[in-house]
N, C-alpha and C. Protein backbone atom coordinates (compact mmCIF):
# COMPACT_ATOMS: atom_id res chain seq x y z
N MET A 1 -3.15 -8.48 -2.46
CA MET A 1 -2.81 -7.10 -2.27
C MET A 1 -1.35 -6.92 -2.69
N ALA A 2 -1.08 -5.97 -3.51
CA ALA A 2 0.28 -5.74 -4.01
C ALA A 2 1.12 -5.03 -2.96
N ASP A 3 2.35 -5.42 -2.86
CA ASP A 3 3.31 -4.82 -1.94
C ASP A 3 4.22 -3.93 -2.78
N PRO A 4 4.22 -2.60 -2.56
CA PRO A 4 5.03 -1.70 -3.39
C PRO A 4 6.52 -2.05 -3.39
N ALA A 5 7.07 -2.45 -2.24
CA ALA A 5 8.49 -2.80 -2.19
C ALA A 5 8.77 -4.06 -3.00
N GLU A 6 7.87 -5.05 -2.91
CA GLU A 6 8.04 -6.27 -3.72
C GLU A 6 7.91 -5.93 -5.21
N ASP A 7 7.00 -5.03 -5.55
CA ASP A 7 6.85 -4.65 -6.96
C ASP A 7 8.11 -3.99 -7.49
N ARG A 8 8.76 -3.14 -6.68
CA ARG A 8 10.02 -2.52 -7.11
C ARG A 8 11.09 -3.59 -7.32
N LEU A 9 11.18 -4.53 -6.38
CA LEU A 9 12.16 -5.61 -6.51
C LEU A 9 11.86 -6.46 -7.74
N LEU A 10 10.60 -6.74 -7.96
CA LEU A 10 10.18 -7.52 -9.13
C LEU A 10 10.66 -6.86 -10.42
N ARG A 11 10.48 -5.56 -10.53
CA ARG A 11 10.93 -4.84 -11.74
C ARG A 11 12.45 -4.90 -11.88
N ARG A 12 13.18 -4.78 -10.77
CA ARG A 12 14.65 -4.83 -10.84
C ARG A 12 15.16 -6.21 -11.23
N LEU A 13 14.43 -7.25 -10.87
CA LEU A 13 14.88 -8.61 -11.17
C LEU A 13 14.51 -9.07 -12.57
N GLY A 14 13.87 -8.24 -13.34
CA GLY A 14 13.56 -8.61 -14.71
C GLY A 14 12.10 -8.77 -15.00
N GLY A 15 11.25 -8.53 -14.02
CA GLY A 15 9.81 -8.55 -14.28
C GLY A 15 9.45 -7.26 -14.97
N ASP A 16 9.66 -7.21 -16.26
CA ASP A 16 9.56 -5.98 -17.03
C ASP A 16 8.14 -5.58 -17.40
N GLY A 17 7.15 -6.28 -16.89
CA GLY A 17 5.78 -5.97 -17.24
C GLY A 17 5.35 -6.66 -18.52
N GLN A 18 6.26 -7.35 -19.15
CA GLN A 18 5.94 -8.08 -20.37
C GLN A 18 5.77 -9.56 -20.02
N GLY A 19 6.49 -10.45 -20.66
CA GLY A 19 6.30 -11.88 -20.46
C GLY A 19 6.85 -12.47 -19.18
N ASP A 20 7.85 -11.83 -18.55
CA ASP A 20 8.48 -12.41 -17.37
C ASP A 20 7.77 -12.11 -16.06
N THR A 21 6.91 -11.13 -16.03
CA THR A 21 6.26 -10.74 -14.78
C THR A 21 5.49 -11.88 -14.12
N PRO A 22 4.64 -12.61 -14.83
CA PRO A 22 3.93 -13.72 -14.17
C PRO A 22 4.89 -14.77 -13.59
N ARG A 23 5.99 -15.03 -14.27
CA ARG A 23 6.97 -16.00 -13.78
C ARG A 23 7.59 -15.52 -12.46
N TRP A 24 7.99 -14.24 -12.39
CA TRP A 24 8.57 -13.71 -11.16
C TRP A 24 7.53 -13.64 -10.05
N ARG A 25 6.31 -13.28 -10.37
CA ARG A 25 5.25 -13.26 -9.35
C ARG A 25 5.04 -14.66 -8.78
N ALA A 26 5.09 -15.68 -9.62
CA ALA A 26 4.95 -17.06 -9.14
C ALA A 26 6.13 -17.44 -8.25
N ARG A 27 7.33 -17.02 -8.60
CA ARG A 27 8.51 -17.29 -7.77
C ARG A 27 8.36 -16.63 -6.40
N PHE A 28 7.91 -15.37 -6.40
CA PHE A 28 7.72 -14.66 -5.13
C PHE A 28 6.67 -15.36 -4.28
N ALA A 29 5.55 -15.74 -4.89
CA ALA A 29 4.47 -16.40 -4.14
C ALA A 29 4.96 -17.73 -3.55
N ALA A 30 5.69 -18.51 -4.33
CA ALA A 30 6.20 -19.79 -3.85
C ALA A 30 7.22 -19.57 -2.73
N ALA A 31 8.06 -18.55 -2.84
CA ALA A 31 9.06 -18.26 -1.81
C ALA A 31 8.38 -17.84 -0.51
N ARG A 32 7.38 -16.97 -0.61
CA ARG A 32 6.65 -16.57 0.60
C ARG A 32 6.01 -17.78 1.27
N GLN A 33 5.37 -18.63 0.48
CA GLN A 33 4.69 -19.80 1.02
C GLN A 33 5.68 -20.77 1.68
N ALA A 34 6.84 -20.95 1.09
CA ALA A 34 7.85 -21.84 1.68
C ALA A 34 8.30 -21.32 3.03
N ALA A 35 8.54 -20.02 3.14
CA ALA A 35 8.97 -19.44 4.41
C ALA A 35 7.87 -19.53 5.46
N ILE A 36 6.64 -19.29 5.05
CA ILE A 36 5.51 -19.39 5.98
C ILE A 36 5.39 -20.81 6.51
N ARG A 37 5.47 -21.77 5.63
CA ARG A 37 5.34 -23.17 6.07
C ARG A 37 6.51 -23.62 6.93
N ALA A 38 7.70 -23.14 6.63
CA ALA A 38 8.87 -23.56 7.39
C ALA A 38 8.91 -22.94 8.79
N THR A 39 8.34 -21.77 8.94
CA THR A 39 8.47 -21.05 10.21
C THR A 39 7.19 -21.02 11.04
N GLY A 40 6.05 -21.26 10.43
CA GLY A 40 4.79 -21.19 11.15
C GLY A 40 4.24 -19.78 11.26
N HIS A 41 4.92 -18.80 10.69
CA HIS A 41 4.40 -17.44 10.68
C HIS A 41 3.23 -17.36 9.71
N THR A 42 2.43 -16.34 9.86
CA THR A 42 1.26 -16.20 8.99
C THR A 42 1.50 -15.25 7.83
N ALA A 43 2.58 -14.50 7.86
CA ALA A 43 2.84 -13.55 6.78
C ALA A 43 4.33 -13.48 6.48
N ALA A 44 4.63 -13.22 5.23
CA ALA A 44 6.02 -13.09 4.80
C ALA A 44 6.05 -12.20 3.57
N ARG A 45 7.22 -11.63 3.32
CA ARG A 45 7.38 -10.85 2.10
C ARG A 45 8.80 -10.99 1.57
N VAL A 46 8.93 -10.98 0.26
CA VAL A 46 10.24 -11.06 -0.38
C VAL A 46 10.88 -9.68 -0.23
N VAL A 47 12.10 -9.65 0.34
CA VAL A 47 12.75 -8.37 0.59
C VAL A 47 14.03 -8.17 -0.21
N ALA A 48 14.58 -9.24 -0.79
CA ALA A 48 15.84 -9.10 -1.54
C ALA A 48 16.08 -10.37 -2.34
N ALA A 49 17.08 -10.27 -3.21
CA ALA A 49 17.55 -11.45 -3.95
C ALA A 49 18.94 -11.77 -3.46
N GLY A 50 19.18 -13.05 -3.16
CA GLY A 50 20.49 -13.46 -2.68
C GLY A 50 21.51 -13.51 -3.81
N LEU A 51 22.77 -13.43 -3.43
CA LEU A 51 23.84 -13.50 -4.42
C LEU A 51 23.92 -14.86 -5.09
N ASP A 52 23.36 -15.88 -4.42
CA ASP A 52 23.41 -17.25 -4.93
C ASP A 52 22.16 -17.64 -5.72
N GLY A 53 21.32 -16.68 -6.06
CA GLY A 53 20.11 -16.98 -6.84
C GLY A 53 18.89 -17.27 -5.99
N THR A 54 19.03 -17.22 -4.67
CA THR A 54 17.87 -17.42 -3.81
C THR A 54 17.10 -16.11 -3.67
N LEU A 55 15.91 -16.20 -3.13
CA LEU A 55 15.15 -15.02 -2.75
C LEU A 55 15.21 -14.93 -1.23
N ILE A 56 15.32 -13.72 -0.71
CA ILE A 56 15.37 -13.51 0.74
C ILE A 56 13.97 -13.08 1.19
N VAL A 57 13.42 -13.83 2.13
CA VAL A 57 12.05 -13.60 2.59
C VAL A 57 12.08 -13.25 4.07
N ALA A 58 11.40 -12.15 4.44
CA ALA A 58 11.27 -11.75 5.84
C ALA A 58 9.96 -12.31 6.39
N VAL A 59 10.02 -12.94 7.54
CA VAL A 59 8.83 -13.44 8.23
C VAL A 59 8.77 -12.80 9.60
N GLY A 60 7.55 -12.68 10.13
CA GLY A 60 7.37 -12.06 11.43
C GLY A 60 7.60 -10.57 11.40
N ALA A 61 7.30 -9.96 10.26
CA ALA A 61 7.52 -8.53 10.09
C ALA A 61 6.24 -7.85 9.66
N ASP A 62 6.18 -6.55 9.89
CA ASP A 62 5.06 -5.79 9.36
C ASP A 62 5.30 -5.57 7.86
N PRO A 63 4.36 -4.99 7.14
CA PRO A 63 4.54 -4.83 5.69
C PRO A 63 5.78 -4.05 5.27
N ASP A 64 6.34 -3.23 6.19
CA ASP A 64 7.56 -2.49 5.87
C ASP A 64 8.82 -3.32 6.05
N GLY A 65 8.67 -4.54 6.57
CA GLY A 65 9.84 -5.38 6.83
C GLY A 65 10.45 -5.13 8.18
N GLY A 66 9.86 -4.22 8.96
CA GLY A 66 10.37 -3.90 10.28
C GLY A 66 9.69 -4.74 11.34
N PRO A 67 9.93 -4.43 12.61
CA PRO A 67 9.29 -5.16 13.70
C PRO A 67 7.77 -5.08 13.59
N GLY A 68 7.10 -6.10 14.06
CA GLY A 68 5.65 -6.17 13.97
C GLY A 68 4.92 -5.32 14.99
N GLY A 69 5.60 -4.57 15.82
CA GLY A 69 4.96 -3.71 16.81
C GLY A 69 5.60 -3.92 18.16
N PRO A 70 5.12 -3.18 19.16
CA PRO A 70 5.71 -3.29 20.50
C PRO A 70 5.66 -4.73 21.01
N GLY A 71 6.77 -5.23 21.48
CA GLY A 71 6.84 -6.57 22.05
C GLY A 71 6.95 -7.68 21.03
N ALA A 72 6.79 -7.36 19.76
CA ALA A 72 6.88 -8.39 18.72
C ALA A 72 8.34 -8.74 18.47
N PRO A 73 8.63 -10.00 18.15
CA PRO A 73 10.02 -10.35 17.85
C PRO A 73 10.49 -9.66 16.57
N LEU A 74 11.79 -9.48 16.47
CA LEU A 74 12.34 -8.90 15.25
C LEU A 74 12.08 -9.83 14.08
N PRO A 75 11.89 -9.26 12.89
CA PRO A 75 11.67 -10.12 11.72
C PRO A 75 12.90 -10.98 11.45
N GLN A 76 12.67 -12.17 10.94
CA GLN A 76 13.75 -13.07 10.56
C GLN A 76 13.76 -13.16 9.04
N ARG A 77 14.95 -13.28 8.49
CA ARG A 77 15.10 -13.42 7.04
C ARG A 77 15.55 -14.84 6.73
N TYR A 78 14.96 -15.40 5.68
CA TYR A 78 15.31 -16.74 5.24
C TYR A 78 15.66 -16.73 3.77
N ALA A 79 16.69 -17.48 3.42
CA ALA A 79 17.03 -17.68 2.01
C ALA A 79 16.12 -18.79 1.50
N VAL A 80 15.51 -18.55 0.36
CA VAL A 80 14.57 -19.51 -0.23
C VAL A 80 15.00 -19.81 -1.66
N GLY A 81 15.26 -21.08 -1.94
CA GLY A 81 15.58 -21.51 -3.29
C GLY A 81 14.29 -21.82 -4.05
N TYR A 82 14.36 -21.80 -5.36
CA TYR A 82 13.18 -22.11 -6.16
C TYR A 82 13.60 -22.77 -7.46
N ALA A 83 12.67 -23.47 -8.07
CA ALA A 83 12.90 -24.10 -9.37
C ALA A 83 11.56 -24.15 -10.11
N GLU A 84 11.65 -24.17 -11.41
CA GLU A 84 10.45 -24.33 -12.23
C GLU A 84 10.41 -25.76 -12.75
N ILE A 85 9.23 -26.35 -12.70
CA ILE A 85 9.07 -27.73 -13.17
C ILE A 85 7.87 -27.80 -14.12
N ASP A 86 7.89 -28.79 -14.99
CA ASP A 86 6.76 -29.02 -15.88
C ASP A 86 5.66 -29.74 -15.13
N ALA A 87 4.44 -29.53 -15.57
CA ALA A 87 3.31 -30.26 -15.00
C ALA A 87 3.49 -31.74 -15.30
N PRO A 88 2.85 -32.61 -14.52
CA PRO A 88 2.94 -34.05 -14.78
C PRO A 88 2.53 -34.39 -16.21
N THR A 89 3.15 -35.43 -16.75
CA THR A 89 2.90 -35.83 -18.13
C THR A 89 1.43 -36.05 -18.42
N ALA A 90 0.72 -36.70 -17.52
CA ALA A 90 -0.71 -36.96 -17.74
C ALA A 90 -1.49 -35.67 -17.92
N GLN A 91 -1.13 -34.65 -17.19
CA GLN A 91 -1.80 -33.36 -17.32
C GLN A 91 -1.42 -32.70 -18.64
N GLN A 92 -0.18 -32.82 -19.05
CA GLN A 92 0.29 -32.19 -20.28
C GLN A 92 -0.35 -32.80 -21.52
N GLU A 93 -0.69 -34.09 -21.46
CA GLU A 93 -1.27 -34.76 -22.62
C GLU A 93 -2.59 -34.14 -23.04
N HIS A 94 -3.28 -33.51 -22.10
CA HIS A 94 -4.58 -32.92 -22.40
C HIS A 94 -4.50 -31.43 -22.71
N ALA A 95 -3.31 -30.87 -22.67
CA ALA A 95 -3.14 -29.44 -22.91
C ALA A 95 -2.62 -29.20 -24.32
N THR A 96 -3.00 -28.07 -24.86
CA THR A 96 -2.45 -27.68 -26.16
C THR A 96 -1.04 -27.15 -25.94
N ALA A 97 -0.30 -26.97 -27.00
CA ALA A 97 1.08 -26.49 -26.89
C ALA A 97 1.13 -25.12 -26.22
N LEU A 98 0.13 -24.27 -26.43
CA LEU A 98 0.13 -22.94 -25.83
C LEU A 98 -0.32 -22.97 -24.38
N ALA A 99 -0.97 -24.02 -23.96
CA ALA A 99 -1.51 -24.07 -22.60
C ALA A 99 -0.72 -25.01 -21.69
N ARG A 100 0.49 -25.38 -22.07
CA ARG A 100 1.31 -26.25 -21.22
C ARG A 100 1.60 -25.52 -19.92
N HIS A 101 1.48 -26.23 -18.83
CA HIS A 101 1.66 -25.62 -17.52
C HIS A 101 3.03 -25.93 -16.94
N ARG A 102 3.58 -24.92 -16.28
CA ARG A 102 4.80 -25.07 -15.51
C ARG A 102 4.48 -24.58 -14.11
N TYR A 103 5.20 -25.11 -13.14
CA TYR A 103 4.98 -24.74 -11.75
C TYR A 103 6.29 -24.27 -11.14
N VAL A 104 6.18 -23.46 -10.11
CA VAL A 104 7.35 -23.04 -9.34
C VAL A 104 7.27 -23.73 -7.99
N VAL A 105 8.35 -24.38 -7.59
CA VAL A 105 8.45 -24.97 -6.26
C VAL A 105 9.55 -24.20 -5.51
N ALA A 106 9.39 -24.11 -4.19
CA ALA A 106 10.36 -23.35 -3.40
C ALA A 106 10.61 -24.05 -2.08
N TRP A 107 11.80 -23.79 -1.51
CA TRP A 107 12.18 -24.40 -0.24
C TRP A 107 13.11 -23.45 0.50
N THR A 108 13.05 -23.49 1.82
CA THR A 108 13.96 -22.65 2.60
C THR A 108 15.32 -23.32 2.65
N THR A 109 16.36 -22.50 2.61
CA THR A 109 17.72 -23.03 2.66
C THR A 109 18.44 -22.59 3.91
N GLY A 110 17.76 -21.87 4.79
CA GLY A 110 18.36 -21.41 6.04
C GLY A 110 18.17 -19.93 6.23
N ALA A 111 18.57 -19.47 7.41
CA ALA A 111 18.45 -18.05 7.72
C ALA A 111 19.46 -17.27 6.88
N ALA A 112 19.05 -16.10 6.46
CA ALA A 112 19.92 -15.24 5.64
C ALA A 112 20.28 -13.99 6.43
N SER A 113 21.50 -13.56 6.30
CA SER A 113 21.90 -12.30 6.92
C SER A 113 21.80 -11.21 5.88
N ARG A 114 21.84 -9.98 6.32
CA ARG A 114 21.77 -8.85 5.37
C ARG A 114 22.95 -8.89 4.41
N GLU A 115 24.10 -9.39 4.85
CA GLU A 115 25.28 -9.43 3.99
C GLU A 115 25.11 -10.40 2.83
N GLU A 116 24.21 -11.37 2.97
CA GLU A 116 24.03 -12.37 1.92
C GLU A 116 23.08 -11.90 0.82
N SER A 117 22.48 -10.74 1.00
CA SER A 117 21.48 -10.32 0.04
C SER A 117 21.93 -9.08 -0.75
N HIS A 118 21.40 -8.98 -1.95
CA HIS A 118 21.58 -7.78 -2.75
C HIS A 118 20.25 -7.51 -3.44
N HIS A 119 20.14 -6.47 -4.20
CA HIS A 119 18.85 -6.08 -4.80
C HIS A 119 17.80 -5.90 -3.70
N ASP A 120 18.19 -5.31 -2.59
CA ASP A 120 17.27 -5.13 -1.47
C ASP A 120 16.06 -4.32 -1.93
N ALA A 121 14.91 -4.63 -1.37
CA ALA A 121 13.66 -3.99 -1.77
C ALA A 121 13.53 -2.57 -1.26
N ARG A 122 14.35 -2.16 -0.33
CA ARG A 122 14.20 -0.80 0.23
C ARG A 122 14.87 0.22 -0.61
């Protein structure tokens, strides 16, 4: 399911709808998954890009990035780093030049404050 705020952020970060969009979508997906795994929450969304090249991911929030409802804890933001890597050599040997695979890996780097982020999705 597409998140309108993430889509706006994606376009601002260079996902122009041409060749870069799948790459940014993969970065967002990897960042969300890293935050989910690090925190144990079941949902997360990319809300901003950090000044240091990280993505800022909110966990424990409703789709608007706000509190999850009455009694729910406030959403937490985490800075998530990412990198692109080539598929293992054995896998690449069987691929054509046009079908070479790259992967995005992501990891949490700690809690992020609002001051650490720019390109906010709101």
